[in-house]
Structures are given as structure tokens and as C-alpha cells.
Amino acid sequence: MTAAIELDGLVRNFGERTVLSGLSLSVPAGTSLAVLGRNGAGKSTLLRILATLLRPHAGRVAIFGRDLPADGWAVRGRIGLLSHEPLLYRELSGRENLTYHARLHGVGADRVEEVLAAVGMARRGDDPVRSCSRGMVQRLAVARAVLHRPELLLLDEPKSNLDPAASDLIEPLIGRSSGVTRVLTSHDPEAALAEVDLVLAIAQGRAAYLGPPSGIDSETIRGLYR
């Protein structure tokens, strides 16, 4: 079976600074991967590379067997990205934003209403995004990320700005029970470890740990964030 994600010697620089250095891993389809590390470790950079938004400077990156960046066009429609930026137009309503993205992906209007209801935003769907609270915007961003039923979810701090009730609401869409391949970062590593199959810990741009959650101890985790 073709792996959902394959990295072989991935390198990414910003100017003279190497952010990711020699990362290699294989993520089977349907697997949930947590990427851990302190701020600036390269977690978001890795997600942006997997989302085809950044080019690697060296090494191989493949999504569903298609090499990036050359074959990025072939996999973008199979990827859902939830980043720090909600990727929503502030002057448009949530419903208008989702309708726009639905047209890009060839998705029908019924799916727009389905995801609005799923994130608890059906009644507020016509409010301009600029008038929404941070939690509401995050829920709309989740709706946008899953709108086209992606096979790979890239989730950068997915529960940011969400209270426990909202977190529970989006769980079926982006949680482990969604059944899709997931790569997630989290400011709460202990919580992340409880919902993934594989862990990549990044320190100084390199893999400090790669393996199952059971293999990384609390001392190693604390060391990542010092």
C-alpha cells in the first residue's frame, strides 16, 4: 500500500538558517501523526511543505505517492489544511466563504450546510467573519478544512481558541474517529499523544524521536520545550 506521506532527507532553510534538516519518515494511510517541538522548531513549516505551500530545499517529499512540488497539483484536492491563519475572507460571511471554497472543489451547496451545522454555525452562518469571536472563526476554519472531504488533514493547533464544548463538536470532523490520515501539532503534548499512532519530535531541525507514543517519556517531552 502506498504511504500517505513519505519524507526522505527533507531539508528546508530560511536564508542561512536551517529549519528542517534531514527528516525521514513514512506515514501509512489512516495514521495519526503528532509533531512535537518548541516554538520555532519547524512544526508549522513541515505542515506548510506537506500542504504544497512551501518547497523543500533538498530531499524527497511525497503525498499519496506523488512527489512534491512537481505533482502538487495532483494532491492538493486531497488535502485539508487548518493553520494558524483561518484562510477566510473577513468581509464575507461564513456561508459565503464556504460557498466560495465549495466551488473551487466542485462541492455542492448541501455540503456547505452540512459542515456549517456540524460545527454549530448554521444560525450564525450569515454573520461576517470579522464580527465572529475567535472560537467561531476557528470552527468556520475547521468547516473549510473538511468541506471537500480530504484524505489528509494537516492540523496546526486545531483546538486553539476552542472551549471544551466546541472541541467536542469538531472531534468527529478532525479527530481520530474521522478515519483519515492526520498530522497535527499541539501546545498540549500529553493530550496529543493520547490521540495519535505515531510521534515525530523535532529539536534543532532534526528528529529527536520518531515512533509510537508509548516510546516517548515525559522527561524527553519536557526537554523538547526547554
C-alpha atoms as a PDB file:
ATOM      1  CA  MET A   1       0.000   0.000   0.000  1.00  0.00           C
ATOM      2  CA  THR A   2       1.283   3.464  -0.889  1.00  0.00           C
ATOM      3  CA  ALA A   3       2.124   5.551   2.170  1.00  0.00           C
ATOM      4  CA  ALA A   4       0.107   8.721   2.680  1.00  0.00           C
ATOM      5  CA  ILE A   5       3.291  10.663   3.469  1.00  0.00           C
ATOM      6  CA  GLU A   6       6.922   9.891   2.732  1.00  0.00           C
ATOM      7  CA  LEU A   7       9.870  12.071   3.688  1.00  0.00           C
ATOM      8  CA  ASP A   8      13.434  11.199   2.809  1.00  0.00           C
ATOM      9  CA  GLY A   9      16.135  13.619   3.915  1.00  0.00           C
ATOM     10  CA  LEU A  10      13.859  16.683   3.928  1.00  0.00           C
ATOM     11  CA  VAL A  11      15.710  19.978   4.270  1.00  0.00           C
ATOM     12  CA  ARG A  12      14.160  23.442   4.459  1.00  0.00           C
ATOM     13  CA  ASN A  13      16.074  26.665   5.007  1.00  0.00           C
ATOM     14  CA  PHE A  14      15.064  30.257   5.644  1.00  0.00           C
ATOM     15  CA  GLY A  15      18.001  32.333   4.486  1.00  0.00           C
ATOM     16  CA  GLU A  16      21.072  30.955   6.217  1.00  0.00           C
ATOM     17  CA  ARG A  17      19.041  29.257   8.929  1.00  0.00           C
ATOM     18  CA  THR A  18      18.217  25.567   8.528  1.00  0.00           C
ATOM     19  CA  VAL A  19      14.757  24.935   9.965  1.00  0.00           C
ATOM     20  CA  LEU A  20      14.359  21.278   8.984  1.00  0.00           C
ATOM     21  CA  SER A  21      17.392  19.066   8.461  1.00  0.00           C
ATOM     22  CA  GLY A  22      17.308  15.522   7.109  1.00  0.00           C
ATOM     23  CA  LEU A  23      13.836  14.476   8.219  1.00  0.00           C
ATOM     24  CA  SER A  24      12.816  10.998   7.043  1.00  0.00           C
ATOM     25  CA  LEU A  25       9.618   9.097   7.838  1.00  0.00           C
ATOM     26  CA  SER A  26       6.755   7.120   6.343  1.00  0.00           C
ATOM     27  CA  VAL A  27       3.143   7.597   7.452  1.00  0.00           C
ATOM     28  CA  PRO A  28       0.686   4.866   6.403  1.00  0.00           C
ATOM     29  CA  ALA A  29      -2.767   5.910   5.228  1.00  0.00           C
ATOM     30  CA  GLY A  30      -5.205   6.296   8.100  1.00  0.00           C
ATOM     31  CA  THR A  31      -2.442   7.015  10.620  1.00  0.00           C
ATOM     32  CA  SER A  32      -2.464   9.986  13.008  1.00  0.00           C
ATOM     33  CA  LEU A  33       0.932  11.659  13.495  1.00  0.00           C
ATOM     34  CA  ALA A  34       1.708  14.213  16.206  1.00  0.00           C
ATOM     35  CA  VAL A  35       4.558  16.640  15.531  1.00  0.00           C
ATOM     36  CA  LEU A  36       6.033  17.962  18.774  1.00  0.00           C
ATOM     37  CA  GLY A  37       8.613  20.636  19.491  1.00  0.00           C
ATOM     38  CA  ARG A  38       9.067  24.114  20.914  1.00  0.00           C
ATOM     39  CA  ASN A  39       8.015  27.273  19.088  1.00  0.00           C
ATOM     40  CA  GLY A  40      10.254  27.715  16.063  1.00  0.00           C
ATOM     41  CA  ALA A  41      11.173  24.025  15.891  1.00  0.00           C
ATOM     42  CA  GLY A  42       9.777  23.744  12.365  1.00  0.00           C
ATOM     43  CA  LYS A  43       6.372  22.155  13.041  1.00  0.00           C
ATOM     44  CA  SER A  44       4.349  24.689  11.052  1.00  0.00           C
ATOM     45  CA  THR A  45       6.993  24.721   8.333  1.00  0.00           C
ATOM     46  CA  LEU A  46       6.612  20.970   7.926  1.00  0.00           C
ATOM     47  CA  LEU A  47       2.836  21.278   7.632  1.00  0.00           C
ATOM     48  CA  ARG A  48       3.163  24.013   5.017  1.00  0.00           C
ATOM     49  CA  ILE A  49       5.509  21.818   2.963  1.00  0.00           C
ATOM     50  CA  LEU A  50       3.044  18.926   3.154  1.00  0.00           C
ATOM     51  CA  ALA A  51       0.274  21.322   2.110  1.00  0.00           C
ATOM     52  CA  THR A  52       2.323  22.256  -1.016  1.00  0.00           C
ATOM     53  CA  LEU A  53       2.656  25.869   0.193  1.00  0.00           C
ATOM     54  CA  LEU A  54       6.443  25.687   0.693  1.00  0.00           C
ATOM     55  CA  ARG A  55       9.098  23.946  -1.365  1.00  0.00           C
ATOM     56  CA  PRO A  56      11.731  21.741   0.242  1.00  0.00           C
ATOM     57  CA  HIS A  57      15.322  22.718  -0.462  1.00  0.00           C
ATOM     58  CA  ALA A  58      16.562  19.138  -0.509  1.00  0.00           C
ATOM     59  CA  GLY A  59      15.276  15.611  -0.025  1.00  0.00           C
ATOM     60  CA  ARG A  60      12.126  13.877  -1.190  1.00  0.00           C
ATOM     61  CA  VAL A  61       8.559  14.645  -0.134  1.00  0.00           C
ATOM     62  CA  ALA A  62       5.691  12.523  -1.449  1.00  0.00           C
ATOM     63  CA  ILE A  63       1.958  12.637  -0.708  1.00  0.00           C
ATOM     64  CA  PHE A  64      -0.019   9.548  -1.734  1.00  0.00           C
ATOM     65  CA  GLY A  65       2.921   8.521  -3.917  1.00  0.00           C
ATOM     66  CA  ARG A  66       3.115  11.845  -5.781  1.00  0.00           C
ATOM     67  CA  ASP A  67       6.342  13.817  -5.453  1.00  0.00           C
ATOM     68  CA  LEU A  68       6.247  17.420  -4.281  1.00  0.00           C
ATOM     69  CA  PRO A  69       6.447  20.048  -5.551  1.00  0.00           C
ATOM     70  CA  ALA A  70       6.255  18.653  -9.105  1.00  0.00           C
ATOM     71  CA  ASP A  71       2.984  16.767  -8.580  1.00  0.00           C
ATOM     72  CA  GLY A  72       1.436  19.138  -6.065  1.00  0.00           C
ATOM     73  CA  TRP A  73      -1.433  19.837  -8.449  1.00  0.00           C
ATOM     74  CA  ALA A  74      -2.445  16.169  -8.242  1.00  0.00           C
ATOM     75  CA  VAL A  75      -2.839  16.035  -4.455  1.00  0.00           C
ATOM     76  CA  ARG A  76      -3.997  19.490  -3.340  1.00  0.00           C
ATOM     77  CA  GLY A  77      -7.638  18.467  -3.603  1.00  0.00           C
ATOM     78  CA  ARG A  78      -6.972  15.527  -1.280  1.00  0.00           C
ATOM     79  CA  ILE A  79      -5.504  17.708   1.484  1.00  0.00           C
ATOM     80  CA  GLY A  80      -7.303  19.751   4.141  1.00  0.00           C
ATOM     81  CA  LEU A  81      -5.271  22.405   5.978  1.00  0.00           C
ATOM     82  CA  LEU A  82      -6.151  24.008   9.295  1.00  0.00           C
ATOM     83  CA  SER A  83      -3.435  26.558  10.010  1.00  0.00           C
ATOM     84  CA  HIS A  84      -2.884  29.468  12.380  1.00  0.00           C
ATOM     85  CA  GLU A  85      -4.460  31.672   9.719  1.00  0.00           C
ATOM     86  CA  PRO A  86      -8.132  30.728   9.196  1.00  0.00           C
ATOM     87  CA  LEU A  87      -7.912  31.331   5.413  1.00  0.00           C
ATOM     88  CA  LEU A  88     -11.284  33.072   5.433  1.00  0.00           C
ATOM     89  CA  TYR A  89     -12.293  36.414   3.924  1.00  0.00           C
ATOM     90  CA  ARG A  90     -13.207  38.658   6.855  1.00  0.00           C
ATOM     91  CA  GLU A  91     -15.754  40.767   4.992  1.00  0.00           C
ATOM     92  CA  LEU A  92     -17.681  37.731   3.765  1.00  0.00           C
ATOM     93  CA  SER A  93     -19.958  35.609   5.916  1.00  0.00           C
ATOM     94  CA  GLY A  94     -19.059  32.104   6.937  1.00  0.00           C
ATOM     95  CA  ARG A  95     -21.595  30.720   4.491  1.00  0.00           C
ATOM     96  CA  GLU A  96     -20.201  32.864   1.657  1.00  0.00           C
ATOM     97  CA  ASN A  97     -16.657  31.741   2.452  1.00  0.00           C
ATOM     98  CA  LEU A  98     -17.629  28.100   2.397  1.00  0.00           C
ATOM     99  CA  THR A  99     -19.646  28.526  -0.784  1.00  0.00           C
ATOM    100  CA  TYR A 100     -16.590  30.048  -2.460  1.00  0.00           C
ATOM    101  CA  HIS A 101     -14.371  27.151  -1.386  1.00  0.00           C
ATOM    102  CA  ALA A 102     -17.062  24.659  -2.386  1.00  0.00           C
ATOM    103  CA  ARG A 103     -16.996  25.999  -5.932  1.00  0.00           C
ATOM    104  CA  LEU A 104     -13.211  25.666  -6.044  1.00  0.00           C
ATOM    105  CA  HIS A 105     -13.509  21.999  -5.122  1.00  0.00           C
ATOM    106  CA  GLY A 106     -16.639  21.207  -7.108  1.00  0.00           C
ATOM    107  CA  VAL A 107     -18.651  20.626  -3.941  1.00  0.00           C
ATOM    108  CA  GLY A 108     -22.431  21.176  -3.773  1.00  0.00           C
ATOM    109  CA  ALA A 109     -24.321  23.669  -1.612  1.00  0.00           C
ATOM    110  CA  ASP A 110     -25.750  20.866   0.515  1.00  0.00           C
ATOM    111  CA  ARG A 111     -22.254  20.075   1.776  1.00  0.00           C
ATOM    112  CA  VAL A 112     -21.828  23.720   2.838  1.00  0.00           C
ATOM    113  CA  GLU A 113     -24.934  23.476   5.007  1.00  0.00           C
ATOM    114  CA  GLU A 114     -23.829  20.099   6.335  1.00  0.00           C
ATOM    115  CA  VAL A 115     -20.475  21.340   7.633  1.00  0.00           C
ATOM    116  CA  LEU A 116     -21.958  24.595   8.983  1.00  0.00           C
ATOM    117  CA  ALA A 117     -24.370  22.521  11.037  1.00  0.00           C
ATOM    118  CA  ALA A 118     -21.611  20.118  12.087  1.00  0.00           C
ATOM    119  CA  VAL A 119     -19.548  22.949  13.626  1.00  0.00           C
ATOM    120  CA  GLY A 120     -22.588  24.600  15.204  1.00  0.00           C
ATOM    121  CA  MET A 121     -22.530  27.643  12.932  1.00  0.00           C
ATOM    122  CA  ALA A 122     -25.706  27.200  10.867  1.00  0.00           C
ATOM    123  CA  ARG A 123     -27.568  30.009  12.675  1.00  0.00           C
ATOM    124  CA  ARG A 124     -24.604  32.372  12.547  1.00  0.00           C
ATOM    125  CA  GLY A 125     -23.543  31.419   9.035  1.00  0.00           C
ATOM    126  CA  ASP A 126     -24.588  34.763   7.536  1.00  0.00           C
ATOM    127  CA  ASP A 127     -22.597  36.859  10.018  1.00  0.00           C
ATOM    128  CA  PRO A 128     -19.475  38.496   8.563  1.00  0.00           C
ATOM    129  CA  VAL A 129     -16.358  36.678   9.706  1.00  0.00           C
ATOM    130  CA  ARG A 130     -14.981  39.968  11.088  1.00  0.00           C
ATOM    131  CA  SER A 131     -17.843  40.035  13.630  1.00  0.00           C
ATOM    132  CA  CYS A 132     -17.237  36.484  14.856  1.00  0.00           C
ATOM    133  CA  SER A 133     -15.394  35.523  18.022  1.00  0.00           C
ATOM    134  CA  ARG A 134     -12.067  33.687  17.772  1.00  0.00           C
ATOM    135  CA  GLY A 135     -13.754  30.423  18.673  1.00  0.00           C
ATOM    136  CA  MET A 136     -16.399  30.890  15.990  1.00  0.00           C
ATOM    137  CA  VAL A 137     -13.734  31.701  13.401  1.00  0.00           C
ATOM    138  CA  GLN A 138     -11.843  28.549  14.382  1.00  0.00           C
ATOM    139  CA  ARG A 139     -14.990  26.476  13.901  1.00  0.00           C
ATOM    140  CA  LEU A 140     -15.508  28.017  10.462  1.00  0.00           C
ATOM    141  CA  ALA A 141     -11.874  27.255   9.627  1.00  0.00           C
ATOM    142  CA  VAL A 142     -12.482  23.614  10.574  1.00  0.00           C
ATOM    143  CA  ALA A 143     -15.554  23.578   8.321  1.00  0.00           C
ATOM    144  CA  ARG A 144     -13.474  24.958   5.449  1.00  0.00           C
ATOM    145  CA  ALA A 145     -10.706  22.384   6.013  1.00  0.00           C
ATOM    146  CA  VAL A 146     -13.065  19.390   5.855  1.00  0.00           C
ATOM    147  CA  LEU A 147     -15.532  20.779   3.302  1.00  0.00           C
ATOM    148  CA  HIS A 148     -14.175  18.737   0.380  1.00  0.00           C
ATOM    149  CA  ARG A 149     -13.749  15.519   2.403  1.00  0.00           C
ATOM    150  CA  PRO A 150      -9.935  15.431   2.266  1.00  0.00           C
ATOM    151  CA  GLU A 151      -7.999  12.209   2.773  1.00  0.00           C
ATOM    152  CA  LEU A 152      -5.158  14.012   4.587  1.00  0.00           C
ATOM    153  CA  LEU A 153      -5.754  16.563   7.342  1.00  0.00           C
ATOM    154  CA  LEU A 154      -2.942  18.914   8.365  1.00  0.00           C
ATOM    155  CA  LEU A 155      -3.904  20.408  11.713  1.00  0.00           C
ATOM    156  CA  ASP A 156      -1.827  23.179  13.277  1.00  0.00           C
ATOM    157  CA  GLU A 157      -3.048  23.627  16.865  1.00  0.00           C
ATOM    158  CA  PRO A 158      -6.569  22.538  15.836  1.00  0.00           C
ATOM    159  CA  LYS A 159      -8.242  23.267  19.182  1.00  0.00           C
ATOM    160  CA  SER A 160      -6.823  26.756  19.547  1.00  0.00           C
ATOM    161  CA  ASN A 161      -9.439  29.230  20.882  1.00  0.00           C
ATOM    162  CA  LEU A 162     -11.998  26.469  21.425  1.00  0.00           C
ATOM    163  CA  ASP A 163     -13.771  25.751  24.703  1.00  0.00           C
ATOM    164  CA  PRO A 164     -14.406  22.117  25.703  1.00  0.00           C
ATOM    165  CA  ALA A 165     -17.908  22.080  24.173  1.00  0.00           C
ATOM    166  CA  ALA A 166     -16.630  23.360  20.815  1.00  0.00           C
ATOM    167  CA  SER A 167     -13.711  20.910  20.933  1.00  0.00           C
ATOM    168  CA  ASP A 168     -16.171  18.057  21.367  1.00  0.00           C
ATOM    169  CA  LEU A 169     -18.259  19.418  18.487  1.00  0.00           C
ATOM    170  CA  ILE A 170     -15.413  19.300  15.957  1.00  0.00           C
ATOM    171  CA  GLU A 171     -13.980  15.987  17.149  1.00  0.00           C
ATOM    172  CA  PRO A 172     -15.934  13.826  14.650  1.00  0.00           C
ATOM    173  CA  LEU A 173     -14.681  16.046  11.807  1.00  0.00           C
ATOM    174  CA  ILE A 174     -10.973  16.226  12.566  1.00  0.00           C
ATOM    175  CA  GLY A 175     -10.408  13.758  15.408  1.00  0.00           C
ATOM    176  CA  ARG A 176      -9.100  10.233  15.291  1.00  0.00           C
ATOM    177  CA  SER A 177     -12.577   8.865  14.584  1.00  0.00           C
ATOM    178  CA  SER A 178     -12.624  10.730  11.253  1.00  0.00           C
ATOM    179  CA  GLY A 179     -10.623   7.807   9.843  1.00  0.00           C
ATOM    180  CA  VAL A 180      -8.415   9.932   7.595  1.00  0.00           C
ATOM    181  CA  THR A 181      -4.649  10.431   7.747  1.00  0.00           C
ATOM    182  CA  ARG A 182      -3.849  13.265  10.172  1.00  0.00           C
ATOM    183  CA  VAL A 183      -0.765  15.305  11.008  1.00  0.00           C
ATOM    184  CA  LEU A 184      -1.264  17.566  13.998  1.00  0.00           C
ATOM    185  CA  THR A 185       0.663  19.925  16.188  1.00  0.00           C
ATOM    186  CA  SER A 186      -0.442  20.831  19.692  1.00  0.00           C
ATOM    187  CA  HIS A 187       0.584  23.090  22.563  1.00  0.00           C
ATOM    188  CA  ASP A 188      -0.612  20.245  24.816  1.00  0.00           C
ATOM    189  CA  PRO A 189       1.701  17.299  24.017  1.00  0.00           C
ATOM    190  CA  GLU A 190       0.162  14.991  26.615  1.00  0.00           C
ATOM    191  CA  ALA A 191      -3.280  15.387  25.028  1.00  0.00           C
ATOM    192  CA  ALA A 192      -1.831  14.934  21.540  1.00  0.00           C
ATOM    193  CA  LEU A 193      -0.112  11.674  22.488  1.00  0.00           C
ATOM    194  CA  ALA A 194      -3.446  10.222  23.565  1.00  0.00           C
ATOM    195  CA  GLU A 195      -4.971  10.576  20.087  1.00  0.00           C
ATOM    196  CA  VAL A 196      -2.190   9.557  17.677  1.00  0.00           C
ATOM    197  CA  ASP A 197      -0.444   6.432  16.430  1.00  0.00           C
ATOM    198  CA  LEU A 198       2.947   7.962  15.670  1.00  0.00           C
ATOM    199  CA  VAL A 199       5.048  10.796  17.106  1.00  0.00           C
ATOM    200  CA  LEU A 200       7.707  12.955  15.480  1.00  0.00           C
ATOM    201  CA  ALA A 201       9.589  15.156  17.941  1.00  0.00           C
ATOM    202  CA  ILE A 202      11.699  17.897  16.353  1.00  0.00           C
ATOM    203  CA  ALA A 203      14.643  19.576  18.082  1.00  0.00           C
ATOM    204  CA  GLN A 204      17.106  21.859  16.310  1.00  0.00           C
ATOM    205  CA  GLY A 205      15.545  20.925  12.989  1.00  0.00           C
ATOM    206  CA  ARG A 206      16.170  17.198  13.382  1.00  0.00           C
ATOM    207  CA  ALA A 207      14.109  14.225  14.515  1.00  0.00           C
ATOM    208  CA  ALA A 208      14.747  13.845  18.249  1.00  0.00           C
ATOM    209  CA  TYR A 209      12.226  10.999  18.396  1.00  0.00           C
ATOM    210  CA  LEU A 210      10.183   9.056  15.853  1.00  0.00           C
ATOM    211  CA  GLY A 211       7.995   6.204  16.985  1.00  0.00           C
ATOM    212  CA  PRO A 212       4.848   5.237  18.880  1.00  0.00           C
ATOM    213  CA  PRO A 213       3.510   7.445  21.689  1.00  0.00           C
ATOM    214  CA  SER A 214       4.380   4.747  24.221  1.00  0.00           C
ATOM    215  CA  GLY A 215       8.072   5.151  23.424  1.00  0.00           C
ATOM    216  CA  ILE A 216       8.476   8.798  24.401  1.00  0.00           C
ATOM    217  CA  ASP A 217       8.701   9.591  28.111  1.00  0.00           C
ATOM    218  CA  SER A 218       7.739  12.738  29.992  1.00  0.00           C
ATOM    219  CA  GLU A 219      11.372  13.777  30.502  1.00  0.00           C
ATOM    220  CA  THR A 220      12.005  13.712  26.750  1.00  0.00           C
ATOM    221  CA  ILE A 221       8.861  15.776  26.186  1.00  0.00           C
ATOM    222  CA  ARG A 222       9.906  18.352  28.785  1.00  0.00           C
ATOM    223  CA  GLY A 223      13.303  18.577  27.118  1.00  0.00           C
ATOM    224  CA  LEU A 224      11.693  19.472  23.802  1.00  0.00           C
ATOM    225  CA  TYR A 225      10.120  22.595  25.233  1.00  0.00           C
ATOM    226  CA  ARG A 226      13.054  23.941  27.239  1.00  0.00           C
END
